[in-house]
C-alpha atoms as a PDB file:
ATOM      1  CA  MET A   1     132.217  25.931  83.733  1.00  0.00           C
ATOM      2  CA  LYS A   2     131.904  29.415  81.681  1.00  0.00           C
ATOM      3  CA  LEU A   3     132.137  33.149  83.229  1.00  0.00           C
ATOM      4  CA  SER A   4     128.844  34.958  81.593  1.00  0.00           C
ATOM      5  CA  SER A   5     126.886  38.441  81.849  1.00  0.00           C
ATOM      6  CA  LYS A   6     124.052  38.459  84.300  1.00  0.00           C
ATOM      7  CA  GLN A   7     120.991  40.793  84.669  1.00  0.00           C
ATOM      8  CA  TYR A   8     121.524  42.148  87.953  1.00  0.00           C
ATOM      9  CA  ASP A   9     120.531  45.340  90.623  1.00  0.00           C
ATOM     10  CA  LEU A  10     124.051  46.583  91.088  1.00  0.00           C
ATOM     11  CA  SER A  11     122.452  50.565  92.797  1.00  0.00           C
ATOM     12  CA  PHE A  12     124.461  50.242  95.689  1.00  0.00           C
ATOM     13  CA  LEU A  13     127.178  50.534  93.655  1.00  0.00           C
ATOM     14  CA  THR A  14     125.868  52.919  90.520  1.00  0.00           C
ATOM     15  CA  SER A  15     124.539  55.467  93.571  1.00  0.00           C
ATOM     16  CA  GLU A  16     127.729  55.438  95.470  1.00  0.00           C
ATOM     17  CA  PHE A  17     130.627  56.179  92.311  1.00  0.00           C
ATOM     18  CA  GLU A  18     129.185  58.432  89.631  1.00  0.00           C
ATOM     19  CA  GLY A  19     131.674  58.168  86.633  1.00  0.00           C
ATOM     20  CA  ALA A  20     132.038  54.465  87.359  1.00  0.00           C
ATOM     21  CA  ASN A  21     130.537  51.389  85.498  1.00  0.00           C
ATOM     22  CA  PHE A  22     129.530  47.975  86.821  1.00  0.00           C
ATOM     23  CA  GLU A  23     128.152  44.924  86.170  1.00  0.00           C
ATOM     24  CA  LEU A  24     127.448  41.347  87.064  1.00  0.00           C
ATOM     25  CA  PHE A  25     129.149  37.778  85.870  1.00  0.00           C
ATOM     26  CA  VAL A  26     128.632  34.332  87.064  1.00  0.00           C
ATOM     27  CA  SER A  27     129.177  31.041  86.394  1.00  0.00           C
ATOM     28  CA  ASP A  28     126.804  28.746  84.561  1.00  0.00           C
ATOM     29  CA  ASP A  29     128.066  25.317  86.579  1.00  0.00           C
ATOM     30  CA  SER A  30     125.541  25.124  89.920  1.00  0.00           C
ATOM     31  CA  LEU A  31     128.029  23.129  91.780  1.00  0.00           C
ATOM     32  CA  SER A  32     130.688  25.605  90.895  1.00  0.00           C
ATOM     33  CA  TYR A  33     128.701  28.424  91.748  1.00  0.00           C
ATOM     34  CA  LEU A  34     131.371  32.219  90.635  1.00  0.00           C
ATOM     35  CA  SER A  35     130.219  35.605  90.698  1.00  0.00           C
ATOM     36  CA  CYS A  36     132.284  38.612  89.335  1.00  0.00           C
ATOM     37  CA  ILE A  37     131.339  42.385  89.712  1.00  0.00           C
ATOM     38  CA  VAL A  38     133.094  44.389  87.315  1.00  0.00           C
ATOM     39  CA  CYS A  39     134.073  48.056  87.752  1.00  0.00           C
ATOM     40  CA  PHE A  40     135.276  50.010  85.710  1.00  0.00           C
ATOM     41  CA  PHE A  41     137.312  53.433  86.415  1.00  0.00           C
ATOM     42  CA  GLU A  42     138.921  55.864  84.033  1.00  0.00           C
ATOM     43  CA  THR A  43     141.883  56.551  86.845  1.00  0.00           C
ATOM     44  CA  ALA A  44     144.455  54.702  89.123  1.00  0.00           C
ATOM     45  CA  ALA A  45     143.196  57.066  92.245  1.00  0.00           C
ATOM     46  CA  GLU A  46     139.739  56.164  91.597  1.00  0.00           C
ATOM     47  CA  VAL A  47     140.288  52.795  92.091  1.00  0.00           C
ATOM     48  CA  VAL A  48     142.578  53.030  94.936  1.00  0.00           C
ATOM     49  CA  SER A  49     140.303  55.729  96.595  1.00  0.00           C
ATOM     50  CA  SER A  50     137.111  53.288  95.659  1.00  0.00           C
ATOM     51  CA  TRP A  51     138.217  49.526  96.201  1.00  0.00           C
ATOM     52  CA  ASN A  52     137.729  49.063 100.017  1.00  0.00           C
ATOM     53  CA  ILE A  53     134.269  51.359 100.128  1.00  0.00           C
ATOM     54  CA  ILE A  54     132.634  48.830  97.431  1.00  0.00           C
ATOM     55  CA  GLN A  55     134.369  45.674  98.522  1.00  0.00           C
ATOM     56  CA  ASN A  56     132.662  46.741 102.377  1.00  0.00           C
ATOM     57  CA  LEU A  57     129.289  47.314 100.114  1.00  0.00           C
ATOM     58  CA  VAL A  58     129.531  44.227  98.181  1.00  0.00           C
ATOM     59  CA  SER A  59     129.651  42.161 101.286  1.00  0.00           C
ATOM     60  CA  GLY A  60     127.250  44.143 103.003  1.00  0.00           C
ATOM     61  CA  TYR A  61     124.583  44.460  99.465  1.00  0.00           C
ATOM     62  CA  TYR A  62     125.499  41.399  97.789  1.00  0.00           C
ATOM     63  CA  GLN A  63     124.812  37.955  98.883  1.00  0.00           C
ATOM     64  CA  PRO A  64     124.641  35.579  96.152  1.00  0.00           C
ATOM     65  CA  SER A  65     122.643  32.459  97.652  1.00  0.00           C
ATOM     66  CA  GLY A  66     124.399  28.750  98.923  1.00  0.00           C
ATOM     67  CA  GLU A  67     127.353  28.114 101.337  1.00  0.00           C
ATOM     68  CA  LEU A  68     130.026  28.400  98.929  1.00  0.00           C
ATOM     69  CA  ALA A  69     128.218  31.010  96.379  1.00  0.00           C
ATOM     70  CA  ILE A  70     129.834  33.546  99.531  1.00  0.00           C
ATOM     71  CA  TRP A  71     133.583  32.213  99.449  1.00  0.00           C
ATOM     72  CA  ASN A  72     133.572  32.616  95.504  1.00  0.00           C
ATOM     73  CA  ILE A  73     133.127  36.305  94.690  1.00  0.00           C
ATOM     74  CA  TYR A  74     135.010  38.258  93.166  1.00  0.00           C
ATOM     75  CA  LEU A  75     135.822  42.210  92.126  1.00  0.00           C
ATOM     76  CA  ILE A  76     137.437  43.159  89.216  1.00  0.00           C
ATOM     77  CA  PHE A  77     138.960  46.368  88.575  1.00  0.00           C
ATOM     78  CA  PHE A  78     139.040  47.477  85.158  1.00  0.00           C
ATOM     79  CA  CYS A  79     140.877  50.598  84.511  1.00  0.00           C
ATOM     80  CA  THR A  80     142.337  52.967  81.871  1.00  0.00           C
ATOM     81  CA  GLY A  81     145.086  54.077  84.047  1.00  0.00           C
ATOM     82  CA  ASN A  82     148.152  52.380  85.565  1.00  0.00           C
ATOM     83  CA  LEU A  83     148.283  51.367  89.473  1.00  0.00           C
ATOM     84  CA  SER A  84     151.562  51.494  91.319  1.00  0.00           C
ATOM     85  CA  VAL A  85     153.094  47.991  92.237  1.00  0.00           C
ATOM     86  CA  TRP A  86     152.699  48.659  95.647  1.00  0.00           C
ATOM     87  CA  ASP A  87     148.607  49.584  95.307  1.00  0.00           C
ATOM     88  CA  LYS A  88     147.928  46.626  93.219  1.00  0.00           C
ATOM     89  CA  TYR A  89     149.665  44.575  95.978  1.00  0.00           C
ATOM     90  CA  VAL A  90     147.457  45.432  99.116  1.00  0.00           C
ATOM     91  CA  ILE A  91     144.288  45.540  96.996  1.00  0.00           C
ATOM     92  CA  GLU A  92     144.868  42.082  95.566  1.00  0.00           C
ATOM     93  CA  ASN A  93     146.069  40.663  98.726  1.00  0.00           C
ATOM     94  CA  ASP A  94     143.003  42.191 101.146  1.00  0.00           C
ATOM     95  CA  LYS A  95     141.532  38.735 102.350  1.00  0.00           C
ATOM     96  CA  TYR A  96     138.179  40.948 103.650  1.00  0.00           C
ATOM     97  CA  ALA A  97     134.872  39.830 102.072  1.00  0.00           C
ATOM     98  CA  VAL A  98     135.676  39.295  98.502  1.00  0.00           C
ATOM     99  CA  ARG A  99     138.600  38.644  95.994  1.00  0.00           C
ATOM    100  CA  LYS A 100     140.113  41.267  94.032  1.00  0.00           C
ATOM    101  CA  VAL A 101     141.800  41.496  90.976  1.00  0.00           C
ATOM    102  CA  VAL A 102     143.305  44.357  88.942  1.00  0.00           C
ATOM    103  CA  LEU A 103     143.540  44.002  85.209  1.00  0.00           C
ATOM    104  CA  ASP A 104     144.829  48.030  84.634  1.00  0.00           C
ATOM    105  CA  GLY A 105     146.543  50.101  81.788  1.00  0.00           C
ATOM    106  CA  MET A 106     143.925  49.412  79.500  1.00  0.00           C
ATOM    107  CA  ASP A 107     144.019  51.833  76.226  1.00  0.00           C
ATOM    108  CA  LYS A 108     140.472  51.598  76.422  1.00  0.00           C
ATOM    109  CA  PHE A 109     137.297  49.479  78.103  1.00  0.00           C
ATOM    110  CA  PRO A 110     136.114  45.817  76.797  1.00  0.00           C
ATOM    111  CA  ASN A 111     132.603  45.605  76.259  1.00  0.00           C
ATOM    112  CA  THR A 112     130.370  43.162  77.918  1.00  0.00           C
ATOM    113  CA  THR A 113     131.394  39.805  75.441  1.00  0.00           C
ATOM    114  CA  GLN A 114     135.329  40.859  75.543  1.00  0.00           C
ATOM    115  CA  THR A 115     135.270  40.981  79.359  1.00  0.00           C
ATOM    116  CA  GLU A 116     133.545  37.528  79.483  1.00  0.00           C
ATOM    117  CA  LEU A 117     136.747  36.415  77.389  1.00  0.00           C
ATOM    118  CA  ILE A 118     138.992  38.159  79.601  1.00  0.00           C
ATOM    119  CA  LEU A 119     137.805  37.095  82.764  1.00  0.00           C
ATOM    120  CA  ASN A 120     137.072  33.483  81.671  1.00  0.00           C
ATOM    121  CA  ASN A 121     140.760  33.650  80.105  1.00  0.00           C
ATOM    122  CA  HIS A 122     142.070  35.420  83.810  1.00  0.00           C
ATOM    123  CA  LEU A 123     140.193  33.390  86.043  1.00  0.00           C
ATOM    124  CA  LEU A 124     138.888  29.900  84.564  1.00  0.00           C
ATOM    125  CA  GLY A 125     142.286  29.616  82.049  1.00  0.00           C
ATOM    126  CA  ALA A 126     139.576  29.234  79.656  1.00  0.00           C
ATOM    127  CA  ASP A 127     142.971  30.164  76.909  1.00  0.00           C
ATOM    128  CA  LEU A 128     145.268  27.335  78.462  1.00  0.00           C
ATOM    129  CA  GLN A 129     145.739  24.447  76.281  1.00  0.00           C
ATOM    130  CA  LEU A 130     147.560  21.282  76.706  1.00  0.00           C
ATOM    131  CA  LYS A 131     150.490  21.142  74.061  1.00  0.00           C
ATOM    132  CA  THR A 132     152.926  17.970  73.857  1.00  0.00           C
ATOM    133  CA  LYS A 133     156.419  18.512  73.457  1.00  0.00           C
ATOM    134  CA  ASP A 134     158.687  17.922  70.917  1.00  0.00           C
ATOM    135  CA  GLU A 135     160.055  14.447  72.142  1.00  0.00           C
ATOM    136  CA  GLN A 136     163.706  14.860  71.064  1.00  0.00           C
ATOM    137  CA  ILE A 137     163.996  17.902  72.896  1.00  0.00           C
ATOM    138  CA  GLU A 138     162.058  16.471  76.076  1.00  0.00           C
ATOM    139  CA  HIS A 139     164.659  13.376  75.898  1.00  0.00           C
ATOM    140  CA  GLU A 140     168.122  15.326  74.976  1.00  0.00           C
ATOM    141  CA  LEU A 141     169.039  17.322  78.020  1.00  0.00           C
ATOM    142  CA  PRO A 142     167.780  14.544  80.790  1.00  0.00           C
ATOM    143  CA  LEU A 143     169.413  11.931  79.163  1.00  0.00           C
ATOM    144  CA  THR A 144     172.934  13.736  78.508  1.00  0.00           C
ATOM    145  CA  MET A 145     172.735  15.143  82.192  1.00  0.00           C
ATOM    146  CA  THR A 146     171.944  11.837  83.490  1.00  0.00           C
ATOM    147  CA  LYS A 147     175.931  10.692  83.439  1.00  0.00           C
ATOM    148  CA  PHE A 148     176.905  14.227  85.922  1.00  0.00           C
ATOM    149  CA  VAL A 149     174.200  13.983  88.140  1.00  0.00           C
ATOM    150  CA  SER A 150     173.267   9.728  89.058  1.00  0.00           C
ATOM    151  CA  GLY A 151     174.801   8.777  92.270  1.00  0.00           C
ATOM    152  CA  ALA A 152     175.299  12.823  93.700  1.00  0.00           C
ATOM    153  CA  PRO A 153     175.343  12.013  97.298  1.00  0.00           C
ATOM    154  CA  LEU A 154     173.341  13.643  99.554  1.00  0.00           C
ATOM    155  CA  GLY A 155     175.056  13.920 102.961  1.00  0.00           C
ATOM    156  CA  SER A 156     176.010  17.330 104.452  1.00  0.00           C
ATOM    157  CA  THR A 157     179.541  16.123 105.302  1.00  0.00           C
ATOM    158  CA  SER A 158     183.338  17.830 103.444  1.00  0.00           C
ATOM    159  CA  ASP A 159     183.143  14.644 101.564  1.00  0.00           C
ATOM    160  CA  SER A 160     179.389  14.740 100.088  1.00  0.00           C
ATOM    161  CA  ARG A 161     180.326  18.668  99.591  1.00  0.00           C
ATOM    162  CA  LYS A 162     183.396  17.917  97.419  1.00  0.00           C
ATOM    163  CA  LYS A 163     181.915  14.913  95.401  1.00  0.00           C
ATOM    164  CA  ARG A 164     178.788  17.186  94.580  1.00  0.00           C
ATOM    165  CA  ALA A 165     180.831  20.458  93.296  1.00  0.00           C
ATOM    166  CA  GLU A 166     183.027  18.240  91.591  1.00  0.00           C
ATOM    167  CA  MET A 167     179.699  16.983  89.851  1.00  0.00           C
ATOM    168  CA  ILE A 168     178.788  20.976  89.272  1.00  0.00           C
ATOM    169  CA  ASN A 169     181.952  21.634  87.918  1.00  0.00           C
ATOM    170  CA  LYS A 170     181.590  18.958  84.997  1.00  0.00           C
ATOM    171  CA  ILE A 171     178.077  20.194  84.040  1.00  0.00           C
ATOM    172  CA  ILE A 172     179.643  23.634  83.585  1.00  0.00           C
ATOM    173  CA  GLU A 173     182.751  22.253  81.456  1.00  0.00           C
ATOM    174  CA  PHE A 174     179.496  20.541  79.623  1.00  0.00           C
ATOM    175  CA  LEU A 175     177.680  23.155  78.866  1.00  0.00           C
ATOM    176  CA  ASP A 176     180.445  25.358  78.197  1.00  0.00           C
ATOM    177  CA  LYS A 177     181.860  22.764  74.970  1.00  0.00           C
ATOM    178  CA  LYS A 178     177.584  22.902  74.066  1.00  0.00           C
END
């Protein structure tokens, strides 16, 4: 799946928010439909004062077809200013209508191609790569630690706790020597 820019009439938003820009990005997979309305705001105050109104407008005016599509709508807020941790938390954890993501503190707004890349990486993990670990590092610690933790009692008796404490002390002594 990949998100791409799509021409769509977002005048229900542009008419309400002077100076803000909006773009639509949708997935190319009909089985896993995902749509993102991207909102570009210069200041954090504009995002904070507008996000709730935008989500209400989106819930009323933008309804993609398909049962799954209505559950996979994102509002992505790009902002050159920095939102407080609290404001960002409130916006991103609001469960009404759509999912929300705030990408703030940008030097400048990305163009459409850069926005596609950011969305694909952020939402779909397109930038993730599977890397194999060096086998020596992978086996060194578990094999060394095995002698310290094998046979650890799992009970809650005082003897079990005492035995686990002794094991922990041996591990600490071993690590201090390295």
